[in-house]
């Protein structure tokens, strides 16, 4: 058994793979911005010896930010990357790699849905 009730978590040696999930608002809704955020997160995680398996990052236009906490957030104008593996974080042209990765992932999901 990997998890036990009240067990202490050793974040440097987690019992299960860790995925980081981030949602943010920005005036720049692009894969360039997602890559910038991912690299900044990676730097912090590596410095603190926290092993991440993959990244989920969603960026929404700042103009879509709710005025108060009771309002729902619309993801219609958002851009995201899901299940992006840490192994690809050192890719040249990271934003283009992320864009292509996400297109391939969405196409795979759509193909599965057709079956």
PDB file of N, CA and C in Angstrom:
ATOM      1  N   UNK A   1       0.852  -1.193   0.000  1.00  0.00           N
ATOM      2  CA  UNK A   1       0.000   0.000   0.000  1.00  0.00           C
ATOM      3  C   UNK A   1       0.884   1.239   0.000  1.00  0.00           C
ATOM      4  N   UNK A   2       0.601   2.155  -0.908  1.00  0.00           N
ATOM      5  CA  UNK A   2       1.417   3.351  -1.023  1.00  0.00           C
ATOM      6  C   UNK A   2       1.023   4.456  -0.053  1.00  0.00           C
ATOM      7  N   UNK A   3      -0.255   4.528   0.243  1.00  0.00           N
ATOM      8  CA  UNK A   3      -0.752   5.561   1.150  1.00  0.00           C
ATOM      9  C   UNK A   3      -1.352   4.924   2.380  1.00  0.00           C
ATOM     10  N   UNK A   4      -1.076   5.557   3.500  1.00  0.00           N
ATOM     11  CA  UNK A   4      -1.651   5.101   4.758  1.00  0.00           C
ATOM     12  C   UNK A   4      -2.244   6.305   5.471  1.00  0.00           C
ATOM     13  N   UNK A   5      -3.261   6.050   6.221  1.00  0.00           N
ATOM     14  CA  UNK A   5      -3.908   7.123   6.966  1.00  0.00           C
ATOM     15  C   UNK A   5      -2.913   7.772   7.916  1.00  0.00           C
ATOM     16  N   UNK A   6      -2.917   9.100   7.938  1.00  0.00           N
ATOM     17  CA  UNK A   6      -2.072   9.913   8.814  1.00  0.00           C
ATOM     18  C   UNK A   6      -0.571   9.748   8.565  1.00  0.00           C
ATOM     19  N   UNK A   7      -0.211   9.213   7.410  1.00  0.00           N
ATOM     20  CA  UNK A   7       1.216   9.080   7.131  1.00  0.00           C
ATOM     21  C   UNK A   7       1.832  10.457   6.878  1.00  0.00           C
ATOM     22  N   UNK A   8       3.103  10.588   7.180  1.00  0.00           N
ATOM     23  CA  UNK A   8       3.814  11.826   6.903  1.00  0.00           C
ATOM     24  C   UNK A   8       4.215  11.825   5.440  1.00  0.00           C
ATOM     25  N   UNK A   9       4.034  12.947   4.793  1.00  0.00           N
ATOM     26  CA  UNK A   9       4.378  13.063   3.387  1.00  0.00           C
ATOM     27  C   UNK A   9       5.821  13.530   3.259  1.00  0.00           C
ATOM     28  N   UNK A  10       6.610  12.757   2.560  1.00  0.00           N
ATOM     29  CA  UNK A  10       7.965  13.162   2.204  1.00  0.00           C
ATOM     30  C   UNK A  10       7.877  13.704   0.788  1.00  0.00           C
ATOM     31  N   UNK A  11       7.802  15.006   0.656  1.00  0.00           N
ATOM     32  CA  UNK A  11       7.582  15.642  -0.643  1.00  0.00           C
ATOM     33  C   UNK A  11       8.724  15.371  -1.613  1.00  0.00           C
ATOM     34  N   UNK A  12       9.890  15.025  -1.084  1.00  0.00           N
ATOM     35  CA  UNK A  12      11.047  14.749  -1.932  1.00  0.00           C
ATOM     36  C   UNK A  12      11.038  13.312  -2.458  1.00  0.00           C
ATOM     37  N   UNK A  13      10.256  12.462  -1.831  1.00  0.00           N
ATOM     38  CA  UNK A  13      10.084  11.066  -2.254  1.00  0.00           C
ATOM     39  C   UNK A  13       8.608  10.689  -2.119  1.00  0.00           C
ATOM     40  N   UNK A  14       7.772  11.279  -2.957  1.00  0.00           N
ATOM     41  CA  UNK A  14       6.326  11.055  -2.806  1.00  0.00           C
ATOM     42  C   UNK A  14       5.948   9.607  -3.149  1.00  0.00           C
ATOM     43  N   UNK A  15       4.904   9.119  -2.503  1.00  0.00           N
ATOM     44  CA  UNK A  15       4.464   7.746  -2.762  1.00  0.00           C
ATOM     45  C   UNK A  15       3.752   7.595  -4.111  1.00  0.00           C
ATOM     46  N   UNK A  16       3.313   8.695  -4.689  1.00  0.00           N
ATOM     47  CA  UNK A  16       2.622   8.702  -5.978  1.00  0.00           C
ATOM     48  C   UNK A  16       3.209   9.813  -6.845  1.00  0.00           C
ATOM     49  N   UNK A  17       3.052   9.704  -8.154  1.00  0.00           N
ATOM     50  CA  UNK A  17       3.546  10.776  -9.035  1.00  0.00           C
ATOM     51  C   UNK A  17       2.826  12.096  -8.741  1.00  0.00           C
ATOM     52  N   UNK A  18       3.571  13.183  -8.833  1.00  0.00           N
ATOM     53  CA  UNK A  18       3.008  14.505  -8.575  1.00  0.00           C
ATOM     54  C   UNK A  18       2.830  15.257  -9.889  1.00  0.00           C
ATOM     55  N   UNK A  19       1.639  15.782 -10.073  1.00  0.00           N
ATOM     56  CA  UNK A  19       1.325  16.662 -11.192  1.00  0.00           C
ATOM     57  C   UNK A  19       1.069  18.040 -10.617  1.00  0.00           C
ATOM     58  N   UNK A  20       1.602  19.058 -11.266  1.00  0.00           N
ATOM     59  CA  UNK A  20       1.337  20.417 -10.812  1.00  0.00           C
ATOM     60  C   UNK A  20       0.219  21.007 -11.675  1.00  0.00           C
ATOM     61  N   UNK A  21      -0.762  21.608 -11.023  1.00  0.00           N
ATOM     62  CA  UNK A  21      -1.898  22.239 -11.703  1.00  0.00           C
ATOM     63  C   UNK A  21      -1.908  23.721 -11.367  1.00  0.00           C
ATOM     64  N   UNK A  22      -1.899  24.551 -12.406  1.00  0.00           N
ATOM     65  CA  UNK A  22      -1.883  25.999 -12.206  1.00  0.00           C
ATOM     66  C   UNK A  22      -2.900  26.634 -13.143  1.00  0.00           C
ATOM     67  N   UNK A  23      -3.672  27.560 -12.598  1.00  0.00           N
ATOM     68  CA  UNK A  23      -4.576  28.380 -13.397  1.00  0.00           C
ATOM     69  C   UNK A  23      -4.242  29.829 -13.079  1.00  0.00           C
ATOM     70  N   UNK A  24      -4.050  30.624 -14.127  1.00  0.00           N
ATOM     71  CA  UNK A  24      -3.709  32.019 -13.890  1.00  0.00           C
ATOM     72  C   UNK A  24      -4.351  32.920 -14.927  1.00  0.00           C
ATOM     73  N   UNK A  25      -4.410  34.194 -14.582  1.00  0.00           N
ATOM     74  CA  UNK A  25      -4.939  35.224 -15.473  1.00  0.00           C
ATOM     75  C   UNK A  25      -3.775  36.071 -15.962  1.00  0.00           C
ATOM     76  N   UNK A  26      -3.808  36.431 -17.246  1.00  0.00           N
ATOM     77  CA  UNK A  26      -2.745  37.236 -17.823  1.00  0.00           C
ATOM     78  C   UNK A  26      -3.274  37.990 -19.038  1.00  0.00           C
ATOM     79  N   UNK A  27      -2.641  39.099 -19.340  1.00  0.00           N
ATOM     80  CA  UNK A  27      -2.976  39.806 -20.578  1.00  0.00           C
ATOM     81  C   UNK A  27      -2.437  39.039 -21.775  1.00  0.00           C
ATOM     82  N   UNK A  28      -1.397  38.247 -21.559  1.00  0.00           N
ATOM     83  CA  UNK A  28      -0.767  37.459 -22.615  1.00  0.00           C
ATOM     84  C   UNK A  28      -1.264  36.012 -22.526  1.00  0.00           C
ATOM     85  N   UNK A  29      -2.195  35.644 -23.387  1.00  0.00           N
ATOM     86  CA  UNK A  29      -2.728  34.277 -23.414  1.00  0.00           C
ATOM     87  C   UNK A  29      -2.075  33.574 -24.608  1.00  0.00           C
ATOM     88  N   UNK A  30      -0.946  32.926 -24.329  1.00  0.00           N
ATOM     89  CA  UNK A  30      -0.175  32.299 -25.395  1.00  0.00           C
ATOM     90  C   UNK A  30       0.636  31.136 -24.829  1.00  0.00           C
ATOM     91  N   UNK A  31       1.099  30.290 -25.727  1.00  0.00           N
ATOM     92  CA  UNK A  31       1.988  29.210 -25.282  1.00  0.00           C
ATOM     93  C   UNK A  31       3.335  29.774 -24.835  1.00  0.00           C
ATOM     94  N   UNK A  32       3.713  30.938 -25.335  1.00  0.00           N
ATOM     95  CA  UNK A  32       4.931  31.584 -24.835  1.00  0.00           C
ATOM     96  C   UNK A  32       4.797  31.880 -23.346  1.00  0.00           C
ATOM     97  N   UNK A  33       3.636  32.389 -22.943  1.00  0.00           N
ATOM     98  CA  UNK A  33       3.399  32.708 -21.532  1.00  0.00           C
ATOM     99  C   UNK A  33       3.312  31.420 -20.705  1.00  0.00           C
ATOM    100  N   UNK A  34       2.649  30.398 -21.235  1.00  0.00           N
ATOM    101  CA  UNK A  34       2.563  29.123 -20.519  1.00  0.00           C
ATOM    102  C   UNK A  34       3.964  28.548 -20.318  1.00  0.00           C
ATOM    103  N   UNK A  35       4.804  28.607 -21.352  1.00  0.00           N
ATOM    104  CA  UNK A  35       6.177  28.103 -21.242  1.00  0.00           C
ATOM    105  C   UNK A  35       6.967  28.899 -20.203  1.00  0.00           C
ATOM    106  N   UNK A  36       6.777  30.209 -20.192  1.00  0.00           N
ATOM    107  CA  UNK A  36       7.456  31.067 -19.215  1.00  0.00           C
ATOM    108  C   UNK A  36       7.063  30.684 -17.791  1.00  0.00           C
ATOM    109  N   UNK A  37       5.777  30.490 -17.561  1.00  0.00           N
ATOM    110  CA  UNK A  37       5.285  30.111 -16.237  1.00  0.00           C
ATOM    111  C   UNK A  37       5.805  28.721 -15.859  1.00  0.00           C
ATOM    112  N   UNK A  38       5.759  27.792 -16.788  1.00  0.00           N
ATOM    113  CA  UNK A  38       6.225  26.431 -16.520  1.00  0.00           C
ATOM    114  C   UNK A  38       7.704  26.418 -16.158  1.00  0.00           C
ATOM    115  N   UNK A  39       8.523  27.181 -16.881  1.00  0.00           N
ATOM    116  CA  UNK A  39       9.957  27.241 -16.585  1.00  0.00           C
ATOM    117  C   UNK A  39      10.206  27.858 -15.211  1.00  0.00           C
ATOM    118  N   UNK A  40       9.445  28.882 -14.852  1.00  0.00           N
ATOM    119  CA  UNK A  40       9.593  29.502 -13.535  1.00  0.00           C
ATOM    120  C   UNK A  40       9.226  28.503 -12.435  1.00  0.00           C
ATOM    121  N   UNK A  41       8.146  27.764 -12.652  1.00  0.00           N
ATOM    122  CA  UNK A  41       7.750  26.742 -11.685  1.00  0.00           C
ATOM    123  C   UNK A  41       8.803  25.644 -11.584  1.00  0.00           C
ATOM    124  N   UNK A  42       9.308  25.219 -12.736  1.00  0.00           N
ATOM    125  CA  UNK A  42      10.321  24.166 -12.754  1.00  0.00           C
ATOM    126  C   UNK A  42      11.552  24.579 -11.952  1.00  0.00           C
ATOM    127  N   UNK A  43      11.981  25.814 -12.107  1.00  0.00           N
ATOM    128  CA  UNK A  43      13.143  26.306 -11.370  1.00  0.00           C
ATOM    129  C   UNK A  43      12.925  26.181  -9.867  1.00  0.00           C
ATOM    130  N   UNK A  44      11.773  26.600  -9.400  1.00  0.00           N
ATOM    131  CA  UNK A  44      11.455  26.529  -7.967  1.00  0.00           C
ATOM    132  C   UNK A  44      11.396  25.075  -7.498  1.00  0.00           C
ATOM    133  N   UNK A  45      10.762  24.225  -8.288  1.00  0.00           N
ATOM    134  CA  UNK A  45      10.611  22.825  -7.904  1.00  0.00           C
ATOM    135  C   UNK A  45      11.954  22.103  -7.872  1.00  0.00           C
ATOM    136  N   UNK A  46      12.807  22.358  -8.846  1.00  0.00           N
ATOM    137  CA  UNK A  46      14.130  21.731  -8.882  1.00  0.00           C
ATOM    138  C   UNK A  46      14.974  22.221  -7.711  1.00  0.00           C
ATOM    139  N   UNK A  47      14.940  23.530  -7.460  1.00  0.00           N
ATOM    140  CA  UNK A  47      15.705  24.097  -6.337  1.00  0.00           C
ATOM    141  C   UNK A  47      15.295  23.481  -5.005  1.00  0.00           C
ATOM    142  N   UNK A  48      14.028  23.097  -4.900  1.00  0.00           N
ATOM    143  CA  UNK A  48      13.515  22.531  -3.649  1.00  0.00           C
ATOM    144  C   UNK A  48      13.405  21.012  -3.678  1.00  0.00           C
ATOM    145  N   UNK A  49      13.983  20.396  -4.709  1.00  0.00           N
ATOM    146  CA  UNK A  49      14.022  18.936  -4.834  1.00  0.00           C
ATOM    147  C   UNK A  49      12.628  18.313  -4.716  1.00  0.00           C
ATOM    148  N   UNK A  50      11.689  18.885  -5.470  1.00  0.00           N
ATOM    149  CA  UNK A  50      10.323  18.364  -5.501  1.00  0.00           C
ATOM    150  C   UNK A  50      10.098  17.759  -6.882  1.00  0.00           C
ATOM    151  N   UNK A  51       9.965  16.434  -6.940  1.00  0.00           N
ATOM    152  CA  UNK A  51       9.850  15.759  -8.240  1.00  0.00           C
ATOM    153  C   UNK A  51       8.444  15.869  -8.830  1.00  0.00           C
ATOM    154  N   UNK A  52       8.364  16.480  -9.981  1.00  0.00           N
ATOM    155  CA  UNK A  52       7.091  16.632 -10.692  1.00  0.00           C
ATOM    156  C   UNK A  52       7.135  15.745 -11.929  1.00  0.00           C
ATOM    157  N   UNK A  53       6.032  15.049 -12.193  1.00  0.00           N
ATOM    158  CA  UNK A  53       5.956  14.175 -13.357  1.00  0.00           C
ATOM    159  C   UNK A  53       5.456  14.947 -14.574  1.00  0.00           C
ATOM    160  N   UNK A  54       4.399  15.763 -14.358  1.00  0.00           N
ATOM    161  CA  UNK A  54       3.906  16.551 -15.476  1.00  0.00           C
ATOM    162  C   UNK A  54       3.180  17.806 -15.004  1.00  0.00           C
ATOM    163  N   UNK A  55       2.880  18.645 -15.983  1.00  0.00           N
ATOM    164  CA  UNK A  55       2.307  19.969 -15.741  1.00  0.00           C
ATOM    165  C   UNK A  55       0.947  20.110 -16.411  1.00  0.00           C
ATOM    166  N   UNK A  56       0.031  20.763 -15.705  1.00  0.00           N
ATOM    167  CA  UNK A  56      -1.248  21.209 -16.255  1.00  0.00           C
ATOM    168  C   UNK A  56      -1.309  22.710 -15.987  1.00  0.00           C
ATOM    169  N   UNK A  57      -1.305  23.499 -17.041  1.00  0.00           N
ATOM    170  CA  UNK A  57      -1.336  24.952 -16.872  1.00  0.00           C
ATOM    171  C   UNK A  57      -2.427  25.521 -17.768  1.00  0.00           C
ATOM    172  N   UNK A  58      -3.294  26.316 -17.172  1.00  0.00           N
ATOM    173  CA  UNK A  58      -4.352  27.007 -17.919  1.00  0.00           C
ATOM    174  C   UNK A  58      -4.166  28.500 -17.695  1.00  0.00           C
ATOM    175  N   UNK A  59      -4.210  29.242 -18.791  1.00  0.00           N
ATOM    176  CA  UNK A  59      -4.078  30.691 -18.721  1.00  0.00           C
ATOM    177  C   UNK A  59      -5.340  31.316 -19.314  1.00  0.00           C
ATOM    178  N   UNK A  60      -5.877  32.280 -18.596  1.00  0.00           N
ATOM    179  CA  UNK A  60      -7.109  32.949 -19.002  1.00  0.00           C
ATOM    180  C   UNK A  60      -6.842  34.437 -19.177  1.00  0.00           C
ATOM    181  N   UNK A  61      -7.588  35.078 -20.065  1.00  0.00           N
ATOM    182  CA  UNK A  61      -7.406  36.530 -20.239  1.00  0.00           C
ATOM    183  C   UNK A  61      -7.721  37.278 -18.945  1.00  0.00           C
ATOM    184  N   UNK A  62      -6.893  38.230 -18.636  1.00  0.00           N
ATOM    185  CA  UNK A  62      -7.092  39.041 -17.443  1.00  0.00           C
ATOM    186  C   UNK A  62      -8.466  39.697 -17.463  1.00  0.00           C
ATOM    187  N   UNK A  63      -8.941  40.024 -18.654  1.00  0.00           N
ATOM    188  CA  UNK A  63     -10.258  40.666 -18.790  1.00  0.00           C
ATOM    189  C   UNK A  63     -11.407  39.737 -18.379  1.00  0.00           C
ATOM    190  N   UNK A  64     -11.145  38.416 -18.325  1.00  0.00           N
ATOM    191  CA  UNK A  64     -12.173  37.450 -17.924  1.00  0.00           C
ATOM    192  C   UNK A  64     -12.158  37.147 -16.426  1.00  0.00           C
ATOM    193  N   UNK A  65     -11.271  37.799 -15.701  1.00  0.00           N
ATOM    194  CA  UNK A  65     -11.173  37.543 -14.258  1.00  0.00           C
ATOM    195  C   UNK A  65     -12.436  38.037 -13.568  1.00  0.00           C
ATOM    196  N   UNK A  66     -13.073  37.182 -12.769  1.00  0.00           N
ATOM    197  CA  UNK A  66     -14.302  37.592 -12.073  1.00  0.00           C
ATOM    198  C   UNK A  66     -14.050  38.774 -11.140  1.00  0.00           C
ATOM    199  N   UNK A  67     -15.059  39.594 -10.984  1.00  0.00           N
ATOM    200  CA  UNK A  67     -14.954  40.762 -10.114  1.00  0.00           C
ATOM    201  C   UNK A  67     -15.037  40.385  -8.641  1.00  0.00           C
ATOM    202  N   UNK A  68     -15.694  39.245  -8.353  1.00  0.00           N
ATOM    203  CA  UNK A  68     -15.745  38.783  -6.965  1.00  0.00           C
ATOM    204  C   UNK A  68     -15.689  37.257  -6.935  1.00  0.00           C
ATOM    205  N   UNK A  69     -15.458  36.695  -5.769  1.00  0.00           N
ATOM    206  CA  UNK A  69     -15.231  35.248  -5.644  1.00  0.00           C
ATOM    207  C   UNK A  69     -16.479  34.409  -5.911  1.00  0.00           C
ATOM    208  N   UNK A  70     -17.650  35.027  -5.946  1.00  0.00           N
ATOM    209  CA  UNK A  70     -18.889  34.288  -6.191  1.00  0.00           C
ATOM    210  C   UNK A  70     -19.183  34.095  -7.675  1.00  0.00           C
ATOM    211  N   UNK A  71     -18.450  34.778  -8.526  1.00  0.00           N
ATOM    212  CA  UNK A  71     -18.680  34.676  -9.965  1.00  0.00           C
ATOM    213  C   UNK A  71     -17.936  33.470 -10.537  1.00  0.00           C
ATOM    214  N   UNK A  72     -18.560  32.847 -11.510  1.00  0.00           N
ATOM    215  CA  UNK A  72     -17.921  31.723 -12.196  1.00  0.00           C
ATOM    216  C   UNK A  72     -16.884  32.247 -13.184  1.00  0.00           C
ATOM    217  N   UNK A  73     -15.902  31.409 -13.437  1.00  0.00           N
ATOM    218  CA  UNK A  73     -14.857  31.755 -14.402  1.00  0.00           C
ATOM    219  C   UNK A  73     -15.173  31.047 -15.711  1.00  0.00           C
ATOM    220  N   UNK A  74     -15.175  31.792 -16.791  1.00  0.00           N
ATOM    221  CA  UNK A  74     -15.379  31.211 -18.113  1.00  0.00           C
ATOM    222  C   UNK A  74     -14.023  30.797 -18.675  1.00  0.00           C
ATOM    223  N   UNK A  75     -13.965  29.566 -19.177  1.00  0.00           N
ATOM    224  CA  UNK A  75     -12.717  29.072 -19.768  1.00  0.00           C
ATOM    225  C   UNK A  75     -12.756  29.157 -21.292  1.00  0.00           C
ATOM    226  N   UNK A  76     -13.759  29.828 -21.834  1.00  0.00           N
ATOM    227  CA  UNK A  76     -13.957  29.899 -23.280  1.00  0.00           C
ATOM    228  C   UNK A  76     -12.733  30.488 -23.988  1.00  0.00           C
ATOM    229  N   UNK A  77     -12.157  31.528 -23.457  1.00  0.00           N
ATOM    230  CA  UNK A  77     -11.024  32.199 -24.102  1.00  0.00           C
ATOM    231  C   UNK A  77      -9.676  31.753 -23.547  1.00  0.00           C
ATOM    232  N   UNK A  78      -9.668  30.660 -22.806  1.00  0.00           N
ATOM    233  CA  UNK A  78      -8.429  30.213 -22.170  1.00  0.00           C
ATOM    234  C   UNK A  78      -7.576  29.374 -23.115  1.00  0.00           C
ATOM    235  N   UNK A  79      -6.355  29.163 -22.692  1.00  0.00           N
ATOM    236  CA  UNK A  79      -5.411  28.317 -23.403  1.00  0.00           C
ATOM    237  C   UNK A  79      -4.781  27.418 -22.347  1.00  0.00           C
ATOM    238  N   UNK A  80      -4.566  26.151 -22.676  1.00  0.00           N
ATOM    239  CA  UNK A  80      -4.021  25.262 -21.655  1.00  0.00           C
ATOM    240  C   UNK A  80      -3.107  24.205 -22.246  1.00  0.00           C
ATOM    241  N   UNK A  81      -2.343  23.625 -21.346  1.00  0.00           N
ATOM    242  CA  UNK A  81      -1.526  22.453 -21.639  1.00  0.00           C
ATOM    243  C   UNK A  81      -1.842  21.450 -20.541  1.00  0.00           C
ATOM    244  N   UNK A  82      -2.074  20.204 -20.918  1.00  0.00           N
ATOM    245  CA  UNK A  82      -2.421  19.174 -19.936  1.00  0.00           C
ATOM    246  C   UNK A  82      -1.490  17.983 -20.064  1.00  0.00           C
ATOM    247  N   UNK A  83      -1.111  17.449 -18.925  1.00  0.00           N
ATOM    248  CA  UNK A  83      -0.269  16.248 -18.868  1.00  0.00           C
ATOM    249  C   UNK A  83       1.057  16.431 -19.607  1.00  0.00           C
ATOM    250  N   UNK A  84       1.601  17.642 -19.569  1.00  0.00           N
ATOM    251  CA  UNK A  84       2.871  17.909 -20.245  1.00  0.00           C
ATOM    252  C   UNK A  84       4.003  17.348 -19.402  1.00  0.00           C
ATOM    253  N   UNK A  85       4.763  16.387 -19.950  1.00  0.00           N
ATOM    254  CA  UNK A  85       5.784  15.699 -19.156  1.00  0.00           C
ATOM    255  C   UNK A  85       7.003  16.564 -18.833  1.00  0.00           C
ATOM    256  N   UNK A  86       7.483  16.394 -17.638  1.00  0.00           N
ATOM    257  CA  UNK A  86       8.685  17.094 -17.190  1.00  0.00           C
ATOM    258  C   UNK A  86       9.851  16.834 -18.130  1.00  0.00           C
ATOM    259  N   UNK A  87       9.909  15.644 -18.707  1.00  0.00           N
ATOM    260  CA  UNK A  87      11.014  15.274 -19.593  1.00  0.00           C
ATOM    261  C   UNK A  87      11.131  16.201 -20.803  1.00  0.00           C
ATOM    262  N   UNK A  88      10.069  16.890 -21.167  1.00  0.00           N
ATOM    263  CA  UNK A  88      10.103  17.792 -22.325  1.00  0.00           C
ATOM    264  C   UNK A  88      10.389  19.253 -21.958  1.00  0.00           C
ATOM    265  N   UNK A  89      10.557  19.519 -20.674  1.00  0.00           N
ATOM    266  CA  UNK A  89      10.735  20.910 -20.236  1.00  0.00           C
ATOM    267  C   UNK A  89      12.009  21.556 -20.757  1.00  0.00           C
ATOM    268  N   UNK A  90      13.018  20.793 -21.108  1.00  0.00           N
ATOM    269  CA  UNK A  90      14.263  21.370 -21.611  1.00  0.00           C
ATOM    270  C   UNK A  90      14.292  21.470 -23.129  1.00  0.00           C
ATOM    271  N   UNK A  91      13.157  21.280 -23.766  1.00  0.00           N
ATOM    272  CA  UNK A  91      13.075  21.359 -25.224  1.00  0.00           C
ATOM    273  C   UNK A  91      13.393  22.767 -25.714  1.00  0.00           C
ATOM    274  N   UNK A  92      14.103  22.832 -26.845  1.00  0.00           N
ATOM    275  CA  UNK A  92      14.257  24.127 -27.491  1.00  0.00           C
ATOM    276  C   UNK A  92      12.892  24.514 -28.028  1.00  0.00           C
ATOM    277  N   UNK A  93      12.633  25.806 -28.117  1.00  0.00           N
ATOM    278  CA  UNK A  93      11.326  26.291 -28.578  1.00  0.00           C
ATOM    279  C   UNK A  93      10.197  25.655 -27.756  1.00  0.00           C
ATOM    280  N   UNK A  94      10.331  25.749 -26.444  1.00  0.00           N
ATOM    281  CA  UNK A  94       9.385  25.092 -25.535  1.00  0.00           C
ATOM    282  C   UNK A  94       7.936  25.444 -25.848  1.00  0.00           C
ATOM    283  N   UNK A  95       7.649  26.690 -26.164  1.00  0.00           N
ATOM    284  CA  UNK A  95       6.260  27.074 -26.436  1.00  0.00           C
ATOM    285  C   UNK A  95       5.711  26.328 -27.650  1.00  0.00           C
ATOM    286  N   UNK A  96       6.535  26.138 -28.678  1.00  0.00           N
ATOM    287  CA  UNK A  96       6.092  25.399 -29.866  1.00  0.00           C
ATOM    288  C   UNK A  96       5.916  23.914 -29.545  1.00  0.00           C
ATOM    289  N   UNK A  97       6.797  23.370 -28.735  1.00  0.00           N
ATOM    290  CA  UNK A  97       6.682  21.967 -28.319  1.00  0.00           C
ATOM    291  C   UNK A  97       5.390  21.773 -27.531  1.00  0.00           C
ATOM    292  N   UNK A  98       5.082  22.722 -26.658  1.00  0.00           N
ATOM    293  CA  UNK A  98       3.847  22.652 -25.870  1.00  0.00           C
ATOM    294  C   UNK A  98       2.616  22.735 -26.773  1.00  0.00           C
ATOM    295  N   UNK A  99       2.633  23.649 -27.710  1.00  0.00           N
ATOM    296  CA  UNK A  99       1.518  23.802 -28.650  1.00  0.00           C
ATOM    297  C   UNK A  99       1.282  22.494 -29.403  1.00  0.00           C
ATOM    298  N   UNK A 100       2.327  21.917 -29.948  1.00  0.00           N
ATOM    299  CA  UNK A 100       2.211  20.664 -30.699  1.00  0.00           C
ATOM    300  C   UNK A 100       1.772  19.516 -29.800  1.00  0.00           C
ATOM    301  N   UNK A 101       2.329  19.454 -28.589  1.00  0.00           N
ATOM    302  CA  UNK A 101       1.963  18.411 -27.635  1.00  0.00           C
ATOM    303  C   UNK A 101       0.469  18.467 -27.332  1.00  0.00           C
ATOM    304  N   UNK A 102      -0.028  19.669 -27.085  1.00  0.00           N
ATOM    305  CA  UNK A 102      -1.447  19.824 -26.740  1.00  0.00           C
ATOM    306  C   UNK A 102      -2.337  19.482 -27.928  1.00  0.00           C
ATOM    307  N   UNK A 103      -1.954  19.880 -29.135  1.00  0.00           N
ATOM    308  CA  UNK A 103      -2.739  19.511 -30.319  1.00  0.00           C
ATOM    309  C   UNK A 103      -2.799  17.990 -30.467  1.00  0.00           C
ATOM    310  N   UNK A 104      -1.670  17.327 -30.290  1.00  0.00           N
ATOM    311  CA  UNK A 104      -1.636  15.863 -30.386  1.00  0.00           C
ATOM    312  C   UNK A 104      -2.493  15.211 -29.305  1.00  0.00           C
ATOM    313  N   UNK A 105      -2.419  15.754 -28.080  1.00  0.00           N
ATOM    314  CA  UNK A 105      -3.199  15.195 -26.971  1.00  0.00           C
ATOM    315  C   UNK A 105      -4.693  15.333 -27.241  1.00  0.00           C
ATOM    316  N   UNK A 106      -5.111  16.505 -27.700  1.00  0.00           N
ATOM    317  CA  UNK A 106      -6.526  16.746 -27.994  1.00  0.00           C
ATOM    318  C   UNK A 106      -6.989  15.843 -29.135  1.00  0.00           C
ATOM    319  N   UNK A 107      -6.165  15.694 -30.163  1.00  0.00           N
ATOM    320  CA  UNK A 107      -6.519  14.806 -31.272  1.00  0.00           C
ATOM    321  C   UNK A 107      -6.687  13.363 -30.806  1.00  0.00           C
ATOM    322  N   UNK A 108      -5.808  12.906 -29.916  1.00  0.00           N
ATOM    323  CA  UNK A 108      -5.924  11.541 -29.375  1.00  0.00           C
ATOM    324  C   UNK A 108      -7.224  11.370 -28.594  1.00  0.00           C
ATOM    325  N   UNK A 109      -7.553  12.356 -27.788  1.00  0.00           N
ATOM    326  CA  UNK A 109      -8.798  12.302 -27.011  1.00  0.00           C
ATOM    327  C   UNK A 109      -9.998  12.273 -27.952  1.00  0.00           C
ATOM    328  N   UNK A 110      -9.973  13.108 -28.963  1.00  0.00           N
ATOM    329  CA  UNK A 110     -11.089  13.151 -29.927  1.00  0.00           C
ATOM    330  C   UNK A 110     -11.227  11.835 -30.673  1.00  0.00           C
ATOM    331  N   UNK A 111     -10.113  11.216 -31.030  1.00  0.00           N
ATOM    332  CA  UNK A 111     -10.151   9.928 -31.714  1.00  0.00           C
ATOM    333  C   UNK A 111     -10.750   8.849 -30.820  1.00  0.00           C
ATOM    334  N   UNK A 112     -10.403   8.860 -29.551  1.00  0.00           N
ATOM    335  CA  UNK A 112     -10.952   7.882 -28.609  1.00  0.00           C
ATOM    336  C   UNK A 112     -12.463   8.067 -28.465  1.00  0.00           C
ATOM    337  N   UNK A 113     -12.899   9.350 -28.457  1.00  0.00           N
ATOM    338  CA  UNK A 113     -14.323   9.643 -28.327  1.00  0.00           C
ATOM    339  C   UNK A 113     -15.131   9.155 -29.528  1.00  0.00           C
ATOM    340  N   UNK A 114     -14.501   9.093 -30.693  1.00  0.00           N
ATOM    341  CA  UNK A 114     -15.197   8.642 -31.898  1.00  0.00           C
ATOM    342  C   UNK A 114     -15.438   7.131 -31.889  1.00  0.00           C
ATOM    343  N   UNK A 115     -14.633   6.422 -31.126  1.00  0.00           N
ATOM    344  CA  UNK A 115     -14.741   4.937 -31.118  1.00  0.00           C
ATOM    345  C   UNK A 115     -15.853   4.450 -30.255  1.00  0.00           C
TER     346      UNK A 115
END
